[in-house]
Amino acid sequence: MMEGLLEQECTTERRLETYKTQLSLVETQLKAGSSGPDTADLEQLKDNLSELISLTEDALLEVKKQRLLFSLETVETEASRKTESPRSGGGGEGEGKECGESSEDSDDLQGIKCQAPVEEAWGAVNYHNAVVLCRENSDSEEPEKVMVRVLFTHPTYNAMKPCPFFLDGKCRFESSVCKFSHGTVVPFSQLLAYQDPDYSLISTGGKCLAKYSDGLWYQAIISSFDEEFTVHIPSLNKTVQTPIENVFPLEGSESGSSSDDEDLDEEGEGEEGAVVEWIPSGPHRALGDWEKYTTGIGSKLMAKMGYVVGKGLGKSGEGRVEPVEIKILPPGKSLDMCAEMREEGKLRKAPGQEKEGRRRRRRKRRLVETSRIEEEKRVNVFDFLNAKLQKKDSQAKSQSVSKPKSGNLNVQVQQTVLPWRVM
């Protein structure tokens, strides 16, 4: 932490020298130039630089105070450790234990507010506000080797959020299995000074970190502020009202968890310092789900490049978390024509969806055909009687036609015999 305070002090001093140089140039320009339209702008710039120099001097004084206090605390800690060393016995007994079982030497660090480094999934290292929970290796005498366990005060995803059961000593999972944080172990020498929220940066349309109902802090845009803040969270597409203690103003595009004392022009880390929210995959198909039918070489290569399963693609994890939906485009058609066909609903579906549709149509046709056949086979009593009666009528008609009556036969015989008698 001493190294961090020294670096912060040097950076603040460089900024102060830069502001003083700019102020001297403006004063020289005002003395050399005559009255004109630019004089008012130069006077305003001079006032702004003077105010900025005053604020920077106050910040530098505060950093120096913190460094001196830390030096005094270190000296007192070393002195008390030397006096208590005969009673400590085996110094290595506390190593590897949980914070609640560590030695009493951790009490001098417990509760210290600081900024701790966090290595993101894509390799960038950002600093977030945290609180020291305990000291890990109580037997180490060298400050460079002292390790501490910290809990982050503004977690932006579940892996940073402190586990409530762990704090109560009731968590049933190991730190490597639990989806929440059991504390992050970092070198004590890498800690920086705690960054308090600067509420003078609050403005309508300004950026901030806002605490949501799930206990996580999301990047948000301030819509209005009176007794309570109304903020819009783009990653959740929600607008909520929250008290001032759940709002952490951000300066420009910088993250509220990154150090305000880093000069972005010199370090060039403005893009990497942005807080990126982790949007977990929804209840849809997981990215790479098809690899259960393959050897999974794609996921292995992506894991080597830093990809974390469940997070979005891209350097900052802001990309898509679901696979690309298959769209079959007709051959020989332009993209404009395909877009029109998509709006009209004329594009083919994915092969799996088409097969399912064909199966449904075939099942429907089979059901209709089966019901028709069963309807034809179904015969009731009246149909049976009608068929029998029709059959008898047809037989009677055929017999009447084939067998003439006896009276007609006698008449015909007489007609044939009479001419013979006349002759």
Protein backbone atom coordinates (compact mmCIF):
# COMPACT_ATOMS: atom_id res chain seq x y z
CA MET A 1 0.00 0.00 0.00
CA MET A 2 2.95 2.30 0.65
CA GLU A 3 4.04 1.96 -2.96
CA GLY A 4 0.53 2.82 -4.13
CA LEU A 5 0.43 5.94 -1.97
CA LEU A 6 3.84 7.04 -3.23
CA GLU A 7 2.77 6.55 -6.83
CA GLN A 8 -0.45 8.45 -6.18
CA GLU A 9 1.51 11.30 -4.58
CA CYS A 10 3.90 11.52 -7.55
CA THR A 11 1.02 11.56 -10.03
CA THR A 12 -0.75 14.34 -8.12
CA GLU A 13 2.44 16.39 -7.99
CA ARG A 14 2.88 16.03 -11.76
CA ARG A 15 -0.66 17.21 -12.33
CA LEU A 16 -0.12 20.17 -10.03
CA GLU A 17 3.01 21.21 -11.93
CA THR A 18 1.13 20.93 -15.23
CA TYR A 19 -1.70 23.14 -13.98
CA LYS A 20 0.75 25.74 -12.66
CA THR A 21 2.57 25.82 -16.01
CA GLN A 22 -0.71 26.34 -17.84
CA LEU A 23 -1.68 29.12 -15.43
CA SER A 24 1.61 30.94 -15.98
CA LEU A 25 1.11 30.74 -19.76
CA VAL A 26 -2.38 32.19 -19.46
CA GLU A 27 -1.16 35.03 -17.23
CA THR A 28 1.63 35.80 -19.71
CA GLN A 29 -0.89 35.89 -22.53
CA LEU A 30 -3.12 38.26 -20.58
CA LYS A 31 -0.24 40.62 -19.84
CA ALA A 32 1.05 40.63 -23.42
CA GLY A 33 -2.27 40.88 -25.23
CA SER A 34 -4.56 43.88 -25.46
CA SER A 35 -8.26 43.93 -24.70
CA GLY A 36 -10.26 41.89 -27.17
CA PRO A 37 -12.94 39.21 -27.50
CA ASP A 38 -10.55 36.50 -26.20
CA THR A 39 -9.74 38.37 -23.00
CA ALA A 40 -12.93 37.25 -21.25
CA ASP A 41 -12.26 33.61 -22.17
CA LEU A 42 -8.69 33.86 -20.87
CA GLU A 43 -9.90 35.40 -17.61
CA GLN A 44 -12.39 32.56 -17.19
CA LEU A 45 -9.67 30.01 -17.95
CA LYS A 46 -7.39 31.65 -15.39
CA ASP A 47 -10.07 31.41 -12.69
CA ASN A 48 -10.75 27.76 -13.52
CA LEU A 49 -7.05 26.88 -13.39
CA SER A 50 -6.64 28.67 -10.07
CA GLU A 51 -9.54 26.73 -8.58
CA LEU A 52 -8.19 23.48 -10.03
CA ILE A 53 -4.75 24.14 -8.53
CA SER A 54 -6.33 24.77 -5.13
CA LEU A 55 -8.26 21.49 -5.26
CA THR A 56 -5.19 19.57 -6.42
CA GLU A 57 -3.11 20.99 -3.57
CA ASP A 58 -5.77 19.86 -1.09
CA ALA A 59 -5.77 16.38 -2.63
CA LEU A 60 -1.97 16.24 -2.49
CA LEU A 61 -2.03 17.21 1.16
CA GLU A 62 -4.56 14.47 1.90
CA VAL A 63 -2.40 11.85 0.15
CA LYS A 64 0.65 12.92 2.13
CA LYS A 65 -1.33 12.64 5.36
CA GLN A 66 -2.43 9.11 4.47
CA ARG A 67 1.14 8.11 3.65
CA LEU A 68 2.44 9.46 6.96
CA LEU A 69 -0.33 7.79 8.94
CA PHE A 70 0.35 4.52 7.21
CA SER A 71 4.05 4.83 8.02
CA LEU A 72 3.22 5.40 11.69
CA GLU A 73 0.84 2.43 11.75
CA THR A 74 3.49 0.22 10.16
CA VAL A 75 6.08 1.22 12.75
CA GLU A 76 3.64 0.60 15.62
CA THR A 77 2.63 -2.75 14.16
CA GLU A 78 6.22 -3.91 13.82
CA ALA A 79 6.97 -2.83 17.39
CA SER A 80 3.94 -4.64 18.83
CA ARG A 81 4.76 -7.77 16.82
CA LYS A 82 8.30 -7.85 18.22
CA THR A 83 7.05 -7.53 21.79
CA GLU A 84 4.45 -10.27 21.33
CA SER A 85 6.67 -12.68 19.39
CA PRO A 86 7.66 -14.80 22.48
CA ARG A 87 3.97 -15.57 23.11
CA SER A 88 3.07 -16.35 19.51
CA GLY A 89 4.68 -19.81 19.47
CA GLY A 90 4.60 -21.44 16.05
CA GLY A 91 4.00 -18.60 13.67
CA GLY A 92 2.98 -20.87 10.78
CA GLU A 93 -0.11 -22.27 12.51
CA GLY A 94 -2.36 -19.49 11.22
CA GLU A 95 -1.34 -19.94 7.61
CA GLY A 96 -4.01 -21.30 5.32
CA LYS A 97 -6.82 -20.90 7.89
CA GLU A 98 -10.00 -18.93 7.43
CA CYS A 99 -10.12 -15.33 8.57
CA GLY A 100 -12.06 -16.20 11.71
CA GLU A 101 -9.30 -18.67 12.73
CA SER A 102 -6.27 -16.52 11.91
CA SER A 103 -3.95 -15.04 14.50
CA GLU A 104 -4.54 -11.78 16.32
CA ASP A 105 -2.02 -10.00 14.07
CA SER A 106 -4.77 -9.55 11.45
CA ASP A 107 -6.71 -7.17 13.69
CA ASP A 108 -4.44 -4.26 12.78
CA LEU A 109 -5.49 -4.55 9.11
CA GLN A 110 -9.10 -5.64 9.42
CA GLY A 111 -11.62 -3.04 8.24
CA ILE A 112 -9.15 -0.84 6.30
CA LYS A 113 -10.78 0.73 3.25
CA CYS A 114 -8.70 0.50 0.09
CA GLN A 115 -8.71 -0.21 -3.62
CA ALA A 116 -7.79 -3.75 -4.62
CA PRO A 117 -6.78 -5.06 -8.05
CA VAL A 118 -9.13 -7.35 -9.99
CA GLU A 119 -7.97 -9.30 -13.02
CA GLU A 120 -10.79 -9.40 -15.53
CA ALA A 121 -11.52 -12.37 -17.77
CA TRP A 122 -9.92 -10.66 -20.78
CA GLY A 123 -6.64 -9.98 -18.94
CA ALA A 124 -7.07 -6.35 -17.89
CA VAL A 125 -6.42 -5.35 -14.27
CA ASN A 126 -8.79 -2.82 -12.72
CA TYR A 127 -8.97 -1.38 -9.21
CA HIS A 128 -12.22 -1.55 -7.24
CA ASN A 129 -13.13 -0.19 -3.82
CA ALA A 130 -12.77 -2.85 -1.14
CA VAL A 131 -12.42 -3.51 2.59
CA VAL A 132 -9.70 -5.65 4.15
CA LEU A 133 -11.30 -8.67 5.81
CA CYS A 134 -8.22 -10.25 7.36
CA ARG A 135 -4.55 -11.01 6.94
CA GLU A 136 -3.70 -14.35 5.36
CA ASN A 137 -0.04 -15.10 6.14
CA SER A 138 0.40 -13.81 9.68
CA ASP A 139 3.91 -15.25 9.98
CA SER A 140 5.41 -13.12 7.20
CA GLU A 141 7.57 -10.23 8.42
CA GLU A 142 8.39 -8.74 5.00
CA PRO A 143 5.81 -6.15 3.85
CA GLU A 144 6.16 -7.24 0.21
CA LYS A 145 5.02 -10.78 1.09
CA VAL A 146 2.04 -9.87 3.26
CA MET A 147 -1.22 -11.17 1.73
CA VAL A 148 -4.66 -9.93 2.72
CA ARG A 149 -8.20 -11.04 1.95
CA VAL A 150 -10.49 -8.25 0.74
CA LEU A 151 -14.21 -7.91 0.03
CA PHE A 152 -15.39 -5.50 -2.68
CA THR A 153 -17.87 -2.80 -1.71
CA HIS A 154 -19.24 -2.19 -5.22
CA PRO A 155 -19.46 -5.64 -6.87
CA THR A 156 -20.44 -5.58 -10.52
CA TYR A 157 -21.03 -9.34 -10.95
CA ASN A 158 -21.74 -12.33 -8.72
CA ALA A 159 -18.12 -13.48 -8.52
CA MET A 160 -17.31 -10.17 -6.74
CA LYS A 161 -20.39 -10.10 -4.50
CA PRO A 162 -19.62 -11.18 -0.90
CA CYS A 163 -21.30 -14.44 0.04
CA PRO A 164 -23.74 -13.73 2.92
CA PHE A 165 -23.44 -17.28 4.26
CA PHE A 166 -19.65 -17.07 4.28
CA LEU A 167 -19.75 -13.94 6.44
CA ASP A 168 -21.98 -15.82 8.90
CA GLY A 169 -19.76 -18.89 8.75
CA LYS A 170 -22.57 -21.04 7.31
CA CYS A 171 -21.59 -21.44 3.64
CA ARG A 172 -21.51 -25.13 2.64
CA PHE A 173 -19.36 -24.58 -0.45
CA GLU A 174 -15.67 -24.03 -0.97
CA SER A 175 -14.51 -20.68 -2.33
CA SER A 176 -13.74 -22.29 -5.71
CA VAL A 177 -17.28 -23.71 -6.01
CA CYS A 178 -19.47 -20.97 -4.52
CA LYS A 179 -20.78 -18.55 -7.14
CA PHE A 180 -20.31 -15.67 -4.69
CA SER A 181 -17.06 -14.31 -3.27
CA HIS A 182 -15.39 -15.62 -0.12
CA GLY A 183 -12.88 -12.79 -0.40
CA THR A 184 -10.05 -12.13 -2.83
CA VAL A 185 -6.47 -12.67 -1.68
CA VAL A 186 -4.14 -9.93 -2.96
CA PRO A 187 -0.67 -8.66 -1.98
CA PHE A 188 -0.87 -5.92 0.61
CA SER A 189 1.69 -3.87 -1.33
CA GLN A 190 -0.70 -3.58 -4.33
CA LEU A 191 -3.50 -1.88 -2.41
CA LEU A 192 -4.31 1.76 -3.21
CA ALA A 193 -6.16 4.46 -1.30
CA TYR A 194 -9.94 4.15 -1.07
CA GLN A 195 -11.85 6.33 -3.55
CA ASP A 196 -14.75 8.16 -1.93
CA PRO A 197 -17.73 9.11 -4.12
CA ASP A 198 -17.53 12.65 -5.48
CA TYR A 199 -21.13 13.86 -5.48
CA SER A 200 -20.11 17.14 -7.12
CA LEU A 201 -19.99 15.17 -10.39
CA ILE A 202 -23.73 14.47 -10.27
CA SER A 203 -25.65 15.95 -13.19
CA THR A 204 -28.63 15.01 -15.33
CA GLY A 205 -27.43 12.63 -18.01
CA GLY A 206 -24.24 11.86 -16.08
CA LYS A 207 -22.88 8.36 -15.61
CA CYS A 208 -22.82 6.51 -12.34
CA LEU A 209 -22.81 3.10 -10.70
CA ALA A 210 -26.24 2.26 -9.27
CA LYS A 211 -27.05 -0.57 -6.88
CA TYR A 212 -29.91 -2.77 -8.09
CA SER A 213 -32.21 -5.04 -6.08
CA ASP A 214 -29.94 -8.06 -6.73
CA GLY A 215 -27.13 -6.39 -4.75
CA LEU A 216 -24.96 -5.70 -7.81
CA TRP A 217 -23.81 -2.31 -9.09
CA TYR A 218 -24.56 -1.50 -12.73
CA GLN A 219 -23.49 1.34 -14.99
CA ALA A 220 -26.42 3.74 -15.19
CA ILE A 221 -27.41 7.17 -16.47
CA ILE A 222 -28.87 9.73 -14.07
CA SER A 223 -32.32 10.83 -15.30
CA SER A 224 -33.20 13.14 -12.41
CA PHE A 225 -32.31 13.68 -8.77
CA ASP A 226 -34.19 15.32 -5.93
CA GLU A 227 -34.83 13.45 -2.69
CA GLU A 228 -34.13 10.20 -4.55
CA PHE A 229 -32.25 9.46 -7.73
CA THR A 230 -33.96 8.21 -10.87
CA VAL A 231 -31.46 6.26 -12.94
CA HIS A 232 -31.72 4.21 -16.13
CA ILE A 233 -29.72 0.97 -16.34
CA PRO A 234 -29.13 0.22 -20.05
CA SER A 235 -27.87 -3.33 -19.52
CA LEU A 236 -31.15 -4.25 -17.77
CA ASN A 237 -33.32 -1.80 -19.73
CA LYS A 238 -34.87 -0.62 -16.46
CA THR A 239 -35.46 2.76 -14.83
CA VAL A 240 -35.43 2.68 -11.04
CA GLN A 241 -35.48 5.07 -8.10
CA THR A 242 -32.75 4.68 -5.52
CA PRO A 243 -31.39 6.66 -2.54
CA ILE A 244 -28.14 8.59 -2.75
CA GLU A 245 -26.15 5.95 -0.86
CA ASN A 246 -26.82 3.51 -3.71
CA VAL A 247 -25.32 5.85 -6.32
CA PHE A 248 -21.60 6.17 -7.07
CA PRO A 249 -20.90 9.03 -9.55
CA LEU A 250 -18.42 8.39 -12.34
CA GLU A 251 -16.11 10.97 -13.86
CA GLY A 252 -16.64 10.97 -17.63
CA SER A 253 -16.30 7.50 -19.12
CA GLU A 254 -14.05 6.24 -16.34
CA SER A 255 -15.27 3.57 -14.00
CA GLY A 256 -16.03 4.51 -10.43
CA SER A 257 -13.85 1.61 -9.35
CA SER A 258 -10.73 2.67 -11.23
CA SER A 259 -8.25 5.12 -9.76
CA ASP A 260 -8.99 8.81 -10.29
CA ASP A 261 -5.29 9.53 -9.98
CA GLU A 262 -4.24 7.74 -13.15
CA ASP A 263 -3.66 10.05 -16.07
CA LEU A 264 -5.45 8.52 -19.04
CA ASP A 265 -3.32 10.42 -21.54
CA GLU A 266 -0.12 9.02 -20.07
CA GLU A 267 -1.22 5.52 -19.16
CA GLY A 268 -3.61 4.92 -22.09
CA GLU A 269 -5.88 2.65 -20.06
CA GLY A 270 -9.16 4.54 -20.30
CA GLU A 271 -10.83 1.87 -22.37
CA GLU A 272 -9.69 -1.02 -20.21
CA GLY A 273 -10.71 0.76 -17.02
CA ALA A 274 -14.40 0.81 -17.90
CA VAL A 275 -16.74 -1.30 -15.81
CA VAL A 276 -18.40 -3.97 -17.91
CA GLU A 277 -21.49 -5.68 -16.61
CA TRP A 278 -21.76 -9.44 -16.91
CA ILE A 279 -25.11 -10.37 -18.43
CA PRO A 280 -25.59 -14.05 -17.87
CA SER A 281 -27.00 -16.22 -20.58
CA GLY A 282 -30.77 -16.48 -20.63
CA PRO A 283 -32.88 -19.65 -20.67
CA HIS A 284 -32.07 -20.23 -24.34
CA ARG A 285 -29.50 -22.37 -26.03
CA ALA A 286 -26.02 -22.03 -24.55
CA LEU A 287 -23.11 -20.94 -26.69
CA GLY A 288 -21.24 -24.07 -27.81
CA ASP A 289 -24.05 -26.43 -26.78
CA TRP A 290 -23.58 -28.35 -30.04
CA GLU A 291 -20.06 -29.38 -28.99
CA LYS A 292 -21.45 -32.28 -26.97
CA TYR A 293 -21.58 -34.06 -30.34
CA THR A 294 -17.97 -33.09 -31.21
CA THR A 295 -14.55 -32.98 -29.58
CA GLY A 296 -15.11 -29.36 -28.42
CA ILE A 297 -11.93 -27.95 -29.95
CA GLY A 298 -13.58 -24.55 -30.47
CA SER A 299 -14.30 -24.00 -26.77
CA LYS A 300 -10.81 -25.17 -25.85
CA LEU A 301 -9.21 -22.62 -28.19
CA MET A 302 -11.48 -19.83 -26.90
CA ALA A 303 -10.65 -20.75 -23.29
CA LYS A 304 -6.94 -20.42 -24.07
CA MET A 305 -7.61 -16.94 -25.44
CA GLY A 306 -9.32 -15.91 -22.18
CA TYR A 307 -13.00 -16.61 -22.88
CA VAL A 308 -15.10 -17.45 -19.79
CA VAL A 309 -18.13 -19.69 -20.30
CA GLY A 310 -21.37 -17.78 -19.73
CA LYS A 311 -19.95 -14.34 -20.46
CA GLY A 312 -20.31 -12.38 -23.67
CA LEU A 313 -17.87 -12.47 -26.53
CA GLY A 314 -15.36 -9.69 -27.17
CA LYS A 315 -12.50 -8.03 -25.35
CA SER A 316 -14.74 -6.47 -22.70
CA GLY A 317 -17.32 -9.26 -22.54
CA GLU A 318 -19.99 -7.04 -24.09
CA GLY A 319 -20.78 -9.34 -27.03
CA ARG A 320 -23.54 -11.87 -27.56
CA VAL A 321 -24.03 -14.73 -25.12
CA GLU A 322 -26.26 -16.89 -27.34
CA PRO A 323 -25.45 -18.66 -30.61
CA VAL A 324 -26.36 -17.07 -33.93
CA GLU A 325 -29.75 -18.20 -35.17
CA ILE A 326 -29.63 -20.07 -38.48
CA LYS A 327 -31.25 -18.24 -41.38
CA ILE A 328 -31.35 -19.99 -44.78
CA LEU A 329 -31.26 -17.41 -47.56
CA PRO A 330 -32.48 -18.27 -51.06
CA PRO A 331 -29.71 -18.60 -53.66
CA GLY A 332 -29.29 -15.85 -56.23
CA LYS A 333 -31.12 -13.21 -54.18
CA SER A 334 -29.59 -9.93 -53.00
CA LEU A 335 -29.45 -8.99 -49.33
CA ASP A 336 -32.09 -6.30 -49.90
CA MET A 337 -34.41 -8.87 -51.42
CA CYS A 338 -33.73 -11.24 -48.52
CA ALA A 339 -34.54 -8.45 -46.06
CA GLU A 340 -37.87 -7.82 -47.80
CA MET A 341 -38.64 -11.54 -47.80
CA ARG A 342 -37.80 -11.71 -44.09
CA GLU A 343 -40.23 -8.87 -43.34
CA GLU A 344 -42.93 -10.63 -45.37
CA GLY A 345 -42.22 -13.95 -43.64
CA LYS A 346 -41.22 -15.77 -46.83
CA LEU A 347 -37.82 -16.98 -45.72
CA ARG A 348 -37.31 -20.64 -44.97
CA LYS A 349 -36.79 -21.68 -41.40
CA ALA A 350 -33.86 -23.58 -40.00
CA PRO A 351 -33.59 -27.26 -41.08
CA GLY A 352 -34.68 -28.52 -37.69
CA GLN A 353 -37.68 -26.21 -37.64
CA GLU A 354 -38.67 -27.23 -41.21
CA LYS A 355 -38.50 -30.93 -40.34
CA GLU A 356 -40.66 -30.38 -37.29
CA GLY A 357 -43.22 -28.51 -39.40
CA ARG A 358 -43.31 -31.32 -41.98
CA ARG A 359 -43.77 -33.88 -39.22
CA ARG A 360 -46.74 -31.95 -37.83
CA ARG A 361 -48.36 -31.71 -41.27
CA ARG A 362 -47.87 -35.43 -41.92
CA ARG A 363 -49.38 -36.33 -38.54
CA LYS A 364 -52.37 -34.10 -39.27
CA ARG A 365 -52.93 -35.69 -42.69
CA ARG A 366 -52.73 -39.19 -41.20
CA LEU A 367 -55.27 -38.30 -38.52
CA VAL A 368 -57.69 -36.89 -41.11
CA GLU A 369 -57.32 -39.95 -43.35
CA THR A 370 -57.80 -42.35 -40.44
CA SER A 371 -60.92 -40.56 -39.25
CA ARG A 372 -62.36 -40.61 -42.79
CA ILE A 373 -61.80 -44.35 -43.14
CA GLU A 374 -63.34 -45.05 -39.76
CA GLU A 375 -66.35 -42.91 -40.70
CA GLU A 376 -66.85 -44.91 -43.88
CA LYS A 377 -66.65 -48.21 -42.00
CA ARG A 378 -69.13 -47.10 -39.36
CA VAL A 379 -72.62 -48.60 -40.35
CA ASN A 380 -75.77 -48.11 -38.29
CA VAL A 381 -79.07 -50.13 -38.17
CA PHE A 382 -80.98 -47.90 -40.57
CA ASP A 383 -78.33 -48.17 -43.26
CA PHE A 384 -78.49 -51.97 -42.92
CA LEU A 385 -82.31 -52.07 -43.25
CA ASN A 386 -82.30 -49.70 -46.21
CA ALA A 387 -79.74 -51.84 -47.99
CA LYS A 388 -81.83 -55.01 -47.44
CA LEU A 389 -85.05 -53.36 -48.66
CA GLN A 390 -83.38 -51.98 -51.77
CA LYS A 391 -82.00 -55.44 -52.53
CA LYS A 392 -85.49 -57.06 -52.30
CA ASP A 393 -87.08 -54.40 -54.54
CA SER A 394 -84.46 -54.90 -57.21
CA GLN A 395 -84.98 -58.70 -57.14
CA ALA A 396 -88.77 -58.34 -57.45
CA LYS A 397 -88.48 -56.04 -60.46
CA SER A 398 -86.15 -58.41 -62.24
CA GLN A 399 -88.55 -61.35 -61.71
CA SER A 400 -91.55 -59.37 -63.05
CA VAL A 401 -89.71 -58.55 -66.22
CA SER A 402 -88.37 -62.04 -66.88
CA LYS A 403 -91.71 -64.00 -66.17
CA PRO A 404 -94.87 -62.71 -68.12
CA LYS A 405 -98.37 -63.29 -66.71
CA SER A 406 -100.48 -66.32 -67.70
CA GLY A 407 -103.38 -64.15 -69.04
CA ASN A 408 -101.13 -62.48 -71.50
CA LEU A 409 -99.84 -65.86 -72.63
CA ASN A 410 -103.43 -67.12 -73.37
CA VAL A 411 -104.25 -64.03 -75.42
CA GLN A 412 -101.12 -64.45 -77.46
CA VAL A 413 -101.89 -68.16 -78.06
CA GLN A 414 -105.42 -67.40 -79.24
CA GLN A 415 -104.16 -64.73 -81.60
CA THR A 416 -101.79 -67.19 -83.18
CA VAL A 417 -104.35 -70.07 -83.41
CA LEU A 418 -107.36 -68.18 -84.83
CA PRO A 419 -105.91 -67.50 -88.27
CA TRP A 420 -105.36 -71.22 -88.76
CA ARG A 421 -109.05 -71.95 -87.97
CA VAL A 422 -110.36 -69.36 -90.47
CA MET A 423 -108.46 -70.88 -93.22
